[in-house]
């Protein structure tokens, strides 16, 4: 019930922000949320992490996204850059939690 309520509020907010209702407005949201968590240091292989790390991951991801928007980078290229950031964060995570 809470998920539906929050989803409805978020959809109203994003639709009012762009002043239109488009079915593909939130296409990049899952990628951005996973990227923020992984950049924040939460392990995808065991769920270990801290809340402040996720907060810092959101801040870093927002800075990267806003910088790319200011530089007028194509949205598809932005998603590719975010994917590369996720891959880099997963590689770093894998080496950090590697068991010898």
Protein backbone atom coordinates (compact mmCIF):
# COMPACT_ATOMS: atom_id res chain seq x y z
CA UNK A 1 0.00 0.00 0.00
CA UNK A 2 2.83 2.38 0.87
CA UNK A 3 4.64 1.57 -2.34
CA UNK A 4 1.56 2.42 -4.40
CA UNK A 5 1.03 5.66 -2.48
CA UNK A 6 4.64 6.77 -2.94
CA UNK A 7 4.61 5.74 -6.60
CA UNK A 8 1.48 7.79 -7.20
CA UNK A 9 2.95 10.83 -5.47
CA UNK A 10 6.20 10.51 -7.42
CA UNK A 11 4.34 10.19 -10.72
CA UNK A 12 2.26 13.28 -9.96
CA UNK A 13 5.43 15.16 -9.06
CA UNK A 14 7.36 14.21 -12.18
CA UNK A 15 4.35 14.79 -14.46
CA UNK A 16 3.85 18.25 -13.01
CA UNK A 17 7.56 18.98 -13.40
CA UNK A 18 7.56 18.29 -17.15
CA UNK A 19 3.94 19.49 -17.58
CA UNK A 20 2.87 16.41 -19.52
CA UNK A 21 2.01 12.78 -19.01
CA UNK A 22 4.37 10.49 -20.87
CA UNK A 23 4.51 6.74 -20.29
CA UNK A 24 8.33 6.59 -20.48
CA UNK A 25 9.23 9.42 -18.08
CA UNK A 26 10.76 7.11 -15.46
CA UNK A 27 12.78 4.90 -17.78
CA UNK A 28 16.10 5.77 -16.15
CA UNK A 29 14.90 5.64 -12.53
CA UNK A 30 15.84 2.01 -11.79
CA UNK A 31 19.31 2.49 -13.26
CA UNK A 32 19.86 5.66 -11.23
CA UNK A 33 18.69 4.10 -7.98
CA UNK A 34 20.92 1.03 -8.39
CA UNK A 35 23.84 3.26 -9.37
CA UNK A 36 23.39 5.45 -6.28
CA UNK A 37 23.34 2.43 -3.97
CA UNK A 38 26.37 0.79 -5.60
CA UNK A 39 28.36 4.03 -5.67
CA UNK A 40 27.45 4.49 -2.01
CA UNK A 41 29.25 1.28 -1.13
CA UNK A 42 26.41 -1.22 -0.66
CA UNK A 43 27.54 -4.63 -1.79
CA UNK A 44 25.37 -6.27 -4.43
CA UNK A 45 26.69 -9.63 -3.29
CA UNK A 46 25.61 -9.44 0.33
CA UNK A 47 23.76 -6.24 1.10
CA UNK A 48 26.46 -4.78 3.32
CA UNK A 49 26.59 -1.02 3.46
CA UNK A 50 25.80 2.12 5.41
CA UNK A 51 23.08 4.72 5.04
CA UNK A 52 25.51 7.64 4.91
CA UNK A 53 27.32 5.88 2.05
CA UNK A 54 24.09 5.64 0.06
CA UNK A 55 23.46 9.33 0.75
CA UNK A 56 26.93 10.18 -0.58
CA UNK A 57 26.28 7.94 -3.59
CA UNK A 58 23.09 9.88 -4.34
CA UNK A 59 25.00 13.18 -4.06
CA UNK A 60 27.80 11.96 -6.36
CA UNK A 61 25.32 10.58 -8.88
CA UNK A 62 23.34 13.84 -8.84
CA UNK A 63 26.51 15.82 -9.44
CA UNK A 64 27.47 13.60 -12.37
CA UNK A 65 23.96 13.76 -13.84
CA UNK A 66 23.66 17.53 -13.47
CA UNK A 67 27.13 18.04 -14.94
CA UNK A 68 26.22 15.95 -17.97
CA UNK A 69 22.98 17.91 -18.39
CA UNK A 70 24.85 21.22 -18.18
CA UNK A 71 27.32 19.96 -20.80
CA UNK A 72 24.31 19.07 -23.00
CA UNK A 73 25.26 15.39 -23.31
CA UNK A 74 22.76 13.15 -25.11
CA UNK A 75 20.46 11.19 -22.76
CA UNK A 76 21.48 7.83 -24.24
CA UNK A 77 25.13 8.67 -23.72
CA UNK A 78 24.31 9.70 -20.16
CA UNK A 79 22.79 6.27 -19.50
CA UNK A 80 25.91 4.63 -20.96
CA UNK A 81 28.12 6.73 -18.68
CA UNK A 82 25.97 5.77 -15.67
CA UNK A 83 26.27 2.11 -16.68
CA UNK A 84 30.06 2.43 -16.83
CA UNK A 85 30.04 4.03 -13.37
CA UNK A 86 27.98 1.08 -12.07
CA UNK A 87 30.37 -1.43 -13.64
CA UNK A 88 33.35 0.37 -12.10
CA UNK A 89 31.64 0.43 -8.69
CA UNK A 90 30.85 -3.30 -8.91
CA UNK A 91 34.47 -4.07 -9.84
CA UNK A 92 35.72 -2.02 -6.89
CA UNK A 93 33.15 -3.74 -4.64
CA UNK A 94 34.22 -7.17 -5.84
CA UNK A 95 37.87 -6.46 -5.02
CA UNK A 96 37.00 -4.88 -1.69
CA UNK A 97 35.03 -7.91 -0.48
CA UNK A 98 37.24 -10.53 -2.16
CA UNK A 99 37.96 -13.49 0.08
CA UNK A 100 41.48 -14.87 -0.19
